[in-house]
All heavy atoms as atom14 arrays in JSON, in Angstrom:
{
  "sequence": "ELGAGKTTFARGFLHALGYADKVCSPTYTLVESYQTRVGPVFHFD",
  "atom14_mask": [
    [1, 1, 1, 1, 1, 1, 1, 1, 1, 0, 0, 0, 0, 0],
    [1, 1, 1, 1, 1, 1, 1, 1, 0, 0, 0, 0, 0, 0],
    [1, 1, 1, 1, 0, 0, 0, 0, 0, 0, 0, 0, 0, 0],
    [1, 1, 1, 1, 1, 0, 0, 0, 0, 0, 0, 0, 0, 0],
    [1, 1, 1, 1, 0, 0, 0, 0, 0, 0, 0, 0, 0, 0],
    [1, 1, 1, 1, 1, 1, 1, 1, 1, 0, 0, 0, 0, 0],
    [1, 1, 1, 1, 1, 1, 1, 0, 0, 0, 0, 0, 0, 0],
    [1, 1, 1, 1, 1, 1, 1, 0, 0, 0, 0, 0, 0, 0],
    [1, 1, 1, 1, 1, 1, 1, 1, 1, 1, 1, 0, 0, 0],
    [1, 1, 1, 1, 1, 0, 0, 0, 0, 0, 0, 0, 0, 0],
    [1, 1, 1, 1, 1, 1, 1, 1, 1, 1, 1, 0, 0, 0],
    [1, 1, 1, 1, 0, 0, 0, 0, 0, 0, 0, 0, 0, 0],
    [1, 1, 1, 1, 1, 1, 1, 1, 1, 1, 1, 0, 0, 0],
    [1, 1, 1, 1, 1, 1, 1, 1, 0, 0, 0, 0, 0, 0],
    [1, 1, 1, 1, 1, 1, 1, 1, 1, 1, 0, 0, 0, 0],
    [1, 1, 1, 1, 1, 0, 0, 0, 0, 0, 0, 0, 0, 0],
    [1, 1, 1, 1, 1, 1, 1, 1, 0, 0, 0, 0, 0, 0],
    [1, 1, 1, 1, 0, 0, 0, 0, 0, 0, 0, 0, 0, 0],
    [1, 1, 1, 1, 1, 1, 1, 1, 1, 1, 1, 1, 0, 0],
    [1, 1, 1, 1, 1, 0, 0, 0, 0, 0, 0, 0, 0, 0],
    [1, 1, 1, 1, 1, 1, 1, 1, 0, 0, 0, 0, 0, 0],
    [1, 1, 1, 1, 1, 1, 1, 1, 1, 0, 0, 0, 0, 0],
    [1, 1, 1, 1, 1, 1, 1, 0, 0, 0, 0, 0, 0, 0],
    [1, 1, 1, 1, 1, 1, 0, 0, 0, 0, 0, 0, 0, 0],
    [1, 1, 1, 1, 1, 1, 0, 0, 0, 0, 0, 0, 0, 0],
    [1, 1, 1, 1, 1, 1, 1, 0, 0, 0, 0, 0, 0, 0],
    [1, 1, 1, 1, 1, 1, 1, 0, 0, 0, 0, 0, 0, 0],
    [1, 1, 1, 1, 1, 1, 1, 1, 1, 1, 1, 1, 0, 0],
    [1, 1, 1, 1, 1, 1, 1, 0, 0, 0, 0, 0, 0, 0],
    [1, 1, 1, 1, 1, 1, 1, 1, 0, 0, 0, 0, 0, 0],
    [1, 1, 1, 1, 1, 1, 1, 0, 0, 0, 0, 0, 0, 0],
    [1, 1, 1, 1, 1, 1, 1, 1, 1, 0, 0, 0, 0, 0],
    [1, 1, 1, 1, 1, 1, 0, 0, 0, 0, 0, 0, 0, 0],
    [1, 1, 1, 1, 1, 1, 1, 1, 1, 1, 1, 1, 0, 0],
    [1, 1, 1, 1, 1, 1, 1, 1, 1, 0, 0, 0, 0, 0],
    [1, 1, 1, 1, 1, 1, 1, 0, 0, 0, 0, 0, 0, 0],
    [1, 1, 1, 1, 1, 1, 1, 1, 1, 1, 1, 0, 0, 0],
    [1, 1, 1, 1, 1, 1, 1, 0, 0, 0, 0, 0, 0, 0],
    [1, 1, 1, 1, 0, 0, 0, 0, 0, 0, 0, 0, 0, 0],
    [1, 1, 1, 1, 1, 1, 1, 0, 0, 0, 0, 0, 0, 0],
    [1, 1, 1, 1, 1, 1, 1, 0, 0, 0, 0, 0, 0, 0],
    [1, 1, 1, 1, 1, 1, 1, 1, 1, 1, 1, 0, 0, 0],
    [1, 1, 1, 1, 1, 1, 1, 1, 1, 1, 0, 0, 0, 0],
    [1, 1, 1, 1, 1, 1, 1, 1, 1, 1, 1, 0, 0, 0],
    [1, 1, 1, 1, 1, 1, 1, 1, 0, 0, 0, 0, 0, 0]
  ],
  "atom14_positions": [
    [[0.83, -1.2, 0.0], [0.0, 0.0, 0.0], [0.86, 1.25, 0.0], [2.09, 1.19, 0.14], [-0.92, -0.01, 1.22], [-0.18, 0.01, 2.54], [-1.11, -0.19, 3.73], [-1.91, -1.13, 3.72], [-1.03, 0.63, 4.67], [0.0, 0.0, 0.0], [0.0, 0.0, 0.0], [0.0, 0.0, 0.0], [0.0, 0.0, 0.0], [0.0, 0.0, 0.0]],
    [[0.22, 2.41, -0.18], [0.94, 3.68, -0.13], [1.67, 3.81, 1.2], [1.1, 3.55, 2.26], [-0.04, 4.85, -0.3], [-0.55, 5.13, -1.72], [-1.69, 6.15, -1.67], [0.58, 5.61, -2.61], [0.0, 0.0, 0.0], [0.0, 0.0, 0.0], [0.0, 0.0, 0.0], [0.0, 0.0, 0.0], [0.0, 0.0, 0.0], [0.0, 0.0, 0.0]],
    [[2.93, 4.19, 1.13], [3.72, 4.36, 2.35], [4.29, 3.09, 2.92], [4.87, 3.1, 4.01], [0.0, 0.0, 0.0], [0.0, 0.0, 0.0], [0.0, 0.0, 0.0], [0.0, 0.0, 0.0], [0.0, 0.0, 0.0], [0.0, 0.0, 0.0], [0.0, 0.0, 0.0], [0.0, 0.0, 0.0], [0.0, 0.0, 0.0], [0.0, 0.0, 0.0]],
    [[4.16, 1.98, 2.17], [4.66, 0.7, 2.69], [6.17, 0.6, 2.66], [6.75, -0.24, 3.35], [4.05, -0.46, 1.91], [0.0, 0.0, 0.0], [0.0, 0.0, 0.0], [0.0, 0.0, 0.0], [0.0, 0.0, 0.0], [0.0, 0.0, 0.0], [0.0, 0.0, 0.0], [0.0, 0.0, 0.0], [0.0, 0.0, 0.0], [0.0, 0.0, 0.0]],
    [[6.83, 1.41, 1.86], [8.29, 1.38, 1.83], [8.88, 0.91, 0.51], [10.07, 0.59, 0.45], [0.0, 0.0, 0.0], [0.0, 0.0, 0.0], [0.0, 0.0, 0.0], [0.0, 0.0, 0.0], [0.0, 0.0, 0.0], [0.0, 0.0, 0.0], [0.0, 0.0, 0.0], [0.0, 0.0, 0.0], [0.0, 0.0, 0.0], [0.0, 0.0, 0.0]],
    [[8.09, 0.9, -0.55], [8.59, 0.42, -1.85], [9.73, 1.28, -2.37], [10.76, 0.76, -2.8], [7.43, 0.4, -2.87], [6.29, -0.54, -2.49], [5.19, -0.57, -3.53], [4.46, 0.74, -3.66], [3.7, 1.08, -2.43], [0.0, 0.0, 0.0], [0.0, 0.0, 0.0], [0.0, 0.0, 0.0], [0.0, 0.0, 0.0], [0.0, 0.0, 0.0]],
    [[9.55, 2.6, -2.32], [10.6, 3.5, -2.8], [11.8, 3.48, -1.86], [12.95, 3.59, -2.31], [10.06, 4.93, -2.95], [8.94, 4.91, -3.85], [11.12, 5.86, -3.52], [0.0, 0.0, 0.0], [0.0, 0.0, 0.0], [0.0, 0.0, 0.0], [0.0, 0.0, 0.0], [0.0, 0.0, 0.0], [0.0, 0.0, 0.0], [0.0, 0.0, 0.0]],
    [[11.56, 3.31, -0.58], [12.67, 3.19, 0.39], [13.52, 1.97, 0.05], [14.76, 2.03, 0.06], [12.12, 3.07, 1.82], [11.35, 4.23, 2.12], [13.25, 2.94, 2.83], [0.0, 0.0, 0.0], [0.0, 0.0, 0.0], [0.0, 0.0, 0.0], [0.0, 0.0, 0.0], [0.0, 0.0, 0.0], [0.0, 0.0, 0.0], [0.0, 0.0, 0.0]],
    [[12.87, 0.86, -0.26], [13.58, -0.36, -0.68], [14.38, -0.09, -1.95], [15.56, -0.46, -2.06], [12.58, -1.48, -0.9], [13.17, -2.79, -1.34], [13.52, -3.75, -0.4], [13.4, -3.06, -2.68], [14.09, -4.96, -0.79], [13.95, -4.27, -3.09], [14.29, -5.21, -2.15], [0.0, 0.0, 0.0], [0.0, 0.0, 0.0], [0.0, 0.0, 0.0]],
    [[13.75, 0.57, -2.93], [14.43, 0.87, -4.19], [15.63, 1.79, -3.96], [16.67, 1.65, -4.62], [13.45, 1.52, -5.17], [0.0, 0.0, 0.0], [0.0, 0.0, 0.0], [0.0, 0.0, 0.0], [0.0, 0.0, 0.0], [0.0, 0.0, 0.0], [0.0, 0.0, 0.0], [0.0, 0.0, 0.0], [0.0, 0.0, 0.0], [0.0, 0.0, 0.0]],
    [[15.51, 2.71, -3.02], [16.61, 3.63, -2.71], [17.81, 2.85, -2.18], [18.95, 3.07, -2.61], [16.15, 4.66, -1.68], [17.21, 5.72, -1.34], [16.65, 6.73, -0.34], [15.45, 7.37, -0.86], [14.24, 7.26, -0.31], [14.06, 6.53, 0.79], [13.21, 7.86, -0.83], [0.0, 0.0, 0.0], [0.0, 0.0, 0.0], [0.0, 0.0, 0.0]],
    [[17.57, 1.93, -1.26], [18.66, 1.11, -0.73], [19.28, 0.26, -1.82], [20.5, 0.06, -1.85], [0.0, 0.0, 0.0], [0.0, 0.0, 0.0], [0.0, 0.0, 0.0], [0.0, 0.0, 0.0], [0.0, 0.0, 0.0], [0.0, 0.0, 0.0], [0.0, 0.0, 0.0], [0.0, 0.0, 0.0], [0.0, 0.0, 0.0], [0.0, 0.0, 0.0]],
    [[18.45, -0.25, -2.71], [18.9, -1.07, -3.84], [19.86, -0.26, -4.72], [20.97, -0.71, -5.03], [17.68, -1.52, -4.64], [17.96, -2.51, -5.72], [17.73, -3.86, -5.51], [18.43, -2.1, -6.96], [17.97, -4.78, -6.52], [18.68, -3.0, -7.98], [18.45, -4.36, -7.76], [0.0, 0.0, 0.0], [0.0, 0.0, 0.0], [0.0, 0.0, 0.0]],
    [[19.45, 0.93, -5.11], [20.25, 1.75, -6.02], [21.52, 2.27, -5.35], [22.59, 2.29, -5.97], [19.42, 2.92, -6.54], [18.4, 2.53, -7.62], [17.27, 3.54, -7.71], [19.11, 2.39, -8.97], [0.0, 0.0, 0.0], [0.0, 0.0, 0.0], [0.0, 0.0, 0.0], [0.0, 0.0, 0.0], [0.0, 0.0, 0.0], [0.0, 0.0, 0.0]],
    [[21.43, 2.68, -4.11], [22.62, 3.15, -3.41], [23.65, 2.04, -3.26], [24.86, 2.29, -3.34], [22.24, 3.71, -2.04], [21.57, 5.05, -2.11], [20.95, 5.65, -1.03], [21.41, 5.93, -3.15], [20.45, 6.82, -1.39], [20.71, 7.01, -2.67], [0.0, 0.0, 0.0], [0.0, 0.0, 0.0], [0.0, 0.0, 0.0], [0.0, 0.0, 0.0]],
    [[23.19, 0.81, -3.08], [24.12, -0.32, -2.95], [24.88, -0.56, -4.25], [25.99, -1.11, -4.24], [23.37, -1.58, -2.54], [0.0, 0.0, 0.0], [0.0, 0.0, 0.0], [0.0, 0.0, 0.0], [0.0, 0.0, 0.0], [0.0, 0.0, 0.0], [0.0, 0.0, 0.0], [0.0, 0.0, 0.0], [0.0, 0.0, 0.0], [0.0, 0.0, 0.0]],
    [[24.29, -0.16, -5.37], [24.94, -0.33, -6.67], [25.75, 0.9, -7.07], [26.2, 1.01, -8.21], [23.89, -0.65, -7.74], [23.12, -1.95, -7.53], [22.14, -2.19, -8.67], [24.1, -3.14, -7.42], [0.0, 0.0, 0.0], [0.0, 0.0, 0.0], [0.0, 0.0, 0.0], [0.0, 0.0, 0.0], [0.0, 0.0, 0.0], [0.0, 0.0, 0.0]],
    [[25.92, 1.83, -6.13], [26.81, 2.95, -6.36], [26.17, 4.25, -6.77], [26.86, 5.25, -6.97], [0.0, 0.0, 0.0], [0.0, 0.0, 0.0], [0.0, 0.0, 0.0], [0.0, 0.0, 0.0], [0.0, 0.0, 0.0], [0.0, 0.0, 0.0], [0.0, 0.0, 0.0], [0.0, 0.0, 0.0], [0.0, 0.0, 0.0], [0.0, 0.0, 0.0]],
    [[24.84, 4.27, -6.91], [24.19, 5.53, -7.26], [24.03, 6.36, -5.99], [23.31, 5.95, -5.07], [22.84, 5.3, -7.93], [22.23, 6.6, -8.42], [22.67, 7.17, -9.61], [21.28, 7.26, -7.67], [22.16, 8.39, -10.04], [20.76, 8.48, -8.1], [21.21, 9.03, -9.28], [20.71, 10.24, -9.7], [0.0, 0.0, 0.0], [0.0, 0.0, 0.0]],
    [[24.7, 7.52, -5.93], [24.78, 8.27, -4.68], [23.79, 9.42, -4.58], [23.63, 10.02, -3.53], [26.2, 8.81, -4.5], [0.0, 0.0, 0.0], [0.0, 0.0, 0.0], [0.0, 0.0, 0.0], [0.0, 0.0, 0.0], [0.0, 0.0, 0.0], [0.0, 0.0, 0.0], [0.0, 0.0, 0.0], [0.0, 0.0, 0.0], [0.0, 0.0, 0.0]],
    [[23.1, 9.75, -5.67], [22.21, 10.9, -5.67], [20.85, 10.52, -5.06], [20.61, 9.37, -4.7], [22.03, 11.4, -7.1], [21.73, 12.89, -7.16], [21.39, 13.46, -6.12], [21.84, 13.48, -8.26], [0.0, 0.0, 0.0], [0.0, 0.0, 0.0], [0.0, 0.0, 0.0], [0.0, 0.0, 0.0], [0.0, 0.0, 0.0], [0.0, 0.0, 0.0]],
    [[19.96, 11.5, -5.01], [18.63, 11.31, -4.45], [17.81, 10.36, -5.32], [17.87, 10.43, -6.55], [17.92, 12.65, -4.34], [16.57, 12.59, -3.63], [15.98, 13.99, -3.49], [14.65, 13.96, -2.76], [14.06, 15.33, -2.62], [0.0, 0.0, 0.0], [0.0, 0.0, 0.0], [0.0, 0.0, 0.0], [0.0, 0.0, 0.0], [0.0, 0.0, 0.0]],
    [[17.06, 9.47, -4.68], [16.19, 8.54, -5.4], [14.75, 8.83, -5.0], [14.39, 8.74, -3.82], [16.53, 7.07, -5.08], [15.52, 6.13, -5.74], [17.95, 6.75, -5.53], [0.0, 0.0, 0.0], [0.0, 0.0, 0.0], [0.0, 0.0, 0.0], [0.0, 0.0, 0.0], [0.0, 0.0, 0.0], [0.0, 0.0, 0.0], [0.0, 0.0, 0.0]],
    [[13.93, 9.21, -5.98], [12.52, 9.48, -5.74], [11.68, 8.55, -6.6], [12.14, 8.03, -7.61], [12.18, 10.93, -6.09], [13.05, 12.16, -5.09], [0.0, 0.0, 0.0], [0.0, 0.0, 0.0], [0.0, 0.0, 0.0], [0.0, 0.0, 0.0], [0.0, 0.0, 0.0], [0.0, 0.0, 0.0], [0.0, 0.0, 0.0], [0.0, 0.0, 0.0]],
    [[10.45, 8.36, -6.2], [9.56, 7.51, -6.99], [9.11, 8.28, -8.24], [8.65, 9.41, -8.14], [8.35, 7.12, -6.15], [7.53, 6.23, -6.86], [0.0, 0.0, 0.0], [0.0, 0.0, 0.0], [0.0, 0.0, 0.0], [0.0, 0.0, 0.0], [0.0, 0.0, 0.0], [0.0, 0.0, 0.0], [0.0, 0.0, 0.0], [0.0, 0.0, 0.0]],
    [[9.24, 7.67, -9.42], [8.86, 8.36, -10.67], [7.35, 8.32, -10.92], [6.88, 7.81, -11.93], [9.64, 7.57, -11.72], [9.71, 6.19, -11.18], [9.84, 6.36, -9.68], [0.0, 0.0, 0.0], [0.0, 0.0, 0.0], [0.0, 0.0, 0.0], [0.0, 0.0, 0.0], [0.0, 0.0, 0.0], [0.0, 0.0, 0.0], [0.0, 0.0, 0.0]],
    [[6.6, 8.86, -9.98], [5.13, 8.76, -10.03], [4.55, 9.39, -11.29], [3.6, 8.86, -11.87], [4.52, 9.42, -8.79], [5.09, 8.83, -7.62], [3.02, 9.23, -8.76], [0.0, 0.0, 0.0], [0.0, 0.0, 0.0], [0.0, 0.0, 0.0], [0.0, 0.0, 0.0], [0.0, 0.0, 0.0], [0.0, 0.0, 0.0], [0.0, 0.0, 0.0]],
    [[5.1, 10.51, -11.72], [4.52, 11.23, -12.84], [5.17, 10.87, -14.18], [4.53, 10.94, -15.22], [4.61, 12.74, -12.6], [3.74, 13.18, -11.44], [4.28, 13.35, -10.17], [2.37, 13.38, -11.62], [3.48, 13.73, -9.1], [1.57, 13.76, -10.55], [2.13, 13.94, -9.3], [1.33, 14.3, -8.24], [0.0, 0.0, 0.0], [0.0, 0.0, 0.0]],
    [[6.44, 10.47, -14.15], [7.13, 10.11, -15.39], [7.02, 8.62, -15.7], [7.4, 8.17, -16.77], [8.62, 10.49, -15.3], [9.22, 9.79, -14.2], [8.79, 11.99, -15.1], [0.0, 0.0, 0.0], [0.0, 0.0, 0.0], [0.0, 0.0, 0.0], [0.0, 0.0, 0.0], [0.0, 0.0, 0.0], [0.0, 0.0, 0.0], [0.0, 0.0, 0.0]],
    [[6.53, 7.83, -14.73], [6.36, 6.37, -14.82], [7.67, 5.6, -14.72], [7.69, 4.5, -14.18], [5.63, 5.96, -16.11], [4.19, 6.43, -16.25], [3.57, 5.85, -17.54], [3.35, 6.01, -15.06], [0.0, 0.0, 0.0], [0.0, 0.0, 0.0], [0.0, 0.0, 0.0], [0.0, 0.0, 0.0], [0.0, 0.0, 0.0], [0.0, 0.0, 0.0]],
    [[8.77, 6.14, -15.23], [10.04, 5.41, -15.16], [11.2, 6.38, -15.04], [11.17, 7.48, -15.6], [10.23, 4.5, -16.41], [10.3, 5.33, -17.68], [11.48, 3.63, -16.26], [0.0, 0.0, 0.0], [0.0, 0.0, 0.0], [0.0, 0.0, 0.0], [0.0, 0.0, 0.0], [0.0, 0.0, 0.0], [0.0, 0.0, 0.0], [0.0, 0.0, 0.0]],
    [[12.18, 6.0, -14.25], [13.44, 6.72, -14.15], [14.57, 5.72, -14.38], [14.53, 4.6, -13.88], [13.58, 7.36, -12.77], [14.76, 8.31, -12.63], [14.64, 9.54, -13.52], [13.8, 10.41, -13.22], [15.38, 9.6, -14.52], [0.0, 0.0, 0.0], [0.0, 0.0, 0.0], [0.0, 0.0, 0.0], [0.0, 0.0, 0.0], [0.0, 0.0, 0.0]],
    [[15.54, 6.13, -15.17], [16.66, 5.25, -15.5], [17.91, 5.7, -14.77], [18.21, 6.89, -14.71], [16.92, 5.26, -17.01], [15.77, 4.87, -17.72], [0.0, 0.0, 0.0], [0.0, 0.0, 0.0], [0.0, 0.0, 0.0], [0.0, 0.0, 0.0], [0.0, 0.0, 0.0], [0.0, 0.0, 0.0], [0.0, 0.0, 0.0], [0.0, 0.0, 0.0]],
    [[18.64, 4.74, -14.21], [19.88, 5.02, -13.48], [21.0, 4.17, -14.05], [20.82, 2.97, -14.29], [19.71, 4.69, -11.99], [18.63, 5.48, -11.3], [17.32, 5.01, -11.27], [18.91, 6.69, -10.68], [16.31, 5.73, -10.63], [17.91, 7.42, -10.04], [16.62, 6.94, -10.03], [15.63, 7.65, -9.41], [0.0, 0.0, 0.0], [0.0, 0.0, 0.0]],
    [[22.16, 4.77, -14.24], [23.33, 4.0, -14.65], [24.13, 3.64, -13.41], [24.54, 4.52, -12.64], [24.2, 4.81, -15.62], [25.33, 4.01, -16.23], [24.82, 2.8, -17.02], [23.86, 2.91, -17.76], [25.45, 1.67, -16.85], [0.0, 0.0, 0.0], [0.0, 0.0, 0.0], [0.0, 0.0, 0.0], [0.0, 0.0, 0.0], [0.0, 0.0, 0.0]],
    [[24.32, 2.36, -13.17], [25.04, 1.89, -11.99], [26.25, 1.08, -12.43], [26.46, 0.85, -13.62], [24.15, 1.0, -11.11], [24.0, -0.28, -11.73], [22.77, 1.62, -10.92], [0.0, 0.0, 0.0], [0.0, 0.0, 0.0], [0.0, 0.0, 0.0], [0.0, 0.0, 0.0], [0.0, 0.0, 0.0], [0.0, 0.0, 0.0], [0.0, 0.0, 0.0]],
    [[27.03, 0.63, -11.48], [28.24, -0.09, -11.84], [27.98, -1.49, -12.38], [28.89, -2.13, -12.89], [29.2, -0.17, -10.65], [28.63, -0.79, -9.39], [29.75, -0.96, -8.35], [29.21, -1.22, -7.03], [29.21, -0.33, -6.04], [29.7, 0.87, -6.22], [28.7, -0.65, -4.86], [0.0, 0.0, 0.0], [0.0, 0.0, 0.0], [0.0, 0.0, 0.0]],
    [[26.72, -1.96, -12.31], [26.38, -3.25, -12.91], [25.52, -3.07, -14.16], [24.96, -4.03, -14.67], [25.66, -4.17, -11.89], [26.56, -4.47, -10.71], [24.33, -3.57, -11.46], [0.0, 0.0, 0.0], [0.0, 0.0, 0.0], [0.0, 0.0, 0.0], [0.0, 0.0, 0.0], [0.0, 0.0, 0.0], [0.0, 0.0, 0.0], [0.0, 0.0, 0.0]],
    [[25.4, -1.82, -14.61], [24.59, -1.54, -15.78], [23.35, -0.74, -15.41], [23.18, -0.32, -14.26], [0.0, 0.0, 0.0], [0.0, 0.0, 0.0], [0.0, 0.0, 0.0], [0.0, 0.0, 0.0], [0.0, 0.0, 0.0], [0.0, 0.0, 0.0], [0.0, 0.0, 0.0], [0.0, 0.0, 0.0], [0.0, 0.0, 0.0], [0.0, 0.0, 0.0]],
    [[22.44, -0.54, -16.34], [21.26, 0.29, -16.07], [20.27, -0.38, -15.14], [20.11, -1.6, -15.14], [20.65, 0.49, -17.46], [21.13, -0.68, -18.26], [22.49, -1.0, -17.74], [0.0, 0.0, 0.0], [0.0, 0.0, 0.0], [0.0, 0.0, 0.0], [0.0, 0.0, 0.0], [0.0, 0.0, 0.0], [0.0, 0.0, 0.0], [0.0, 0.0, 0.0]],
    [[19.61, 0.45, -14.33], [18.49, 0.02, -13.5], [17.31, 0.91, -13.87], [17.43, 2.14, -13.85], [18.79, 0.15, -11.99], [17.54, -0.19, -11.17], [19.94, -0.77, -11.6], [0.0, 0.0, 0.0], [0.0, 0.0, 0.0], [0.0, 0.0, 0.0], [0.0, 0.0, 0.0], [0.0, 0.0, 0.0], [0.0, 0.0, 0.0], [0.0, 0.0, 0.0]],
    [[16.18, 0.31, -14.22], [15.0, 1.04, -14.61], [13.96, 0.94, -13.49], [13.49, -0.15, -13.17], [14.43, 0.48, -15.92], [15.44, 0.42, -17.03], [15.78, -0.8, -17.61], [16.07, 1.57, -17.46], [16.72, -0.87, -18.62], [17.03, 1.51, -18.48], [17.34, 0.3, -19.06], [0.0, 0.0, 0.0], [0.0, 0.0, 0.0], [0.0, 0.0, 0.0]],
    [[13.64, 2.09, -12.91], [12.74, 2.15, -11.75], [11.38, 2.68, -12.22], [11.26, 3.84, -12.61], [13.35, 3.06, -10.69], [12.52, 3.2, -9.45], [12.69, 4.25, -8.56], [11.51, 2.44, -8.95], [11.82, 4.11, -7.57], [11.1, 3.03, -7.78], [0.0, 0.0, 0.0], [0.0, 0.0, 0.0], [0.0, 0.0, 0.0], [0.0, 0.0, 0.0]],
    [[10.37, 1.82, -12.18], [9.03, 2.18, -12.6], [8.13, 2.44, -11.39], [8.27, 1.79, -10.36], [8.38, 1.04, -13.4], [9.0, 0.76, -14.74], [10.17, 0.02, -14.84], [8.41, 1.24, -15.9], [10.73, -0.25, -16.07], [8.96, 0.98, -17.14], [10.13, 0.23, -17.23], [0.0, 0.0, 0.0], [0.0, 0.0, 0.0], [0.0, 0.0, 0.0]],
    [[7.19, 3.37, -11.55], [6.11, 3.55, -10.59], [4.83, 3.69, -11.4], [4.61, 4.7, -12.08], [6.32, 4.81, -9.74], [5.26, 4.96, -8.65], [4.16, 4.41, -8.81], [5.53, 5.64, -7.64], [0.0, 0.0, 0.0], [0.0, 0.0, 0.0], [0.0, 0.0, 0.0], [0.0, 0.0, 0.0], [0.0, 0.0, 0.0], [0.0, 0.0, 0.0]]
  ]
}
């Protein structure tokens, strides 16, 4: 449900792969792409 921690989980996931910037849920754009040290990560909302 809303506020369950999905984006918080995704933030920890991306930071562990070396992405150091802010991670927000792409609610309005539907997807945000991040380049990490293991390749691209595509975060959908």
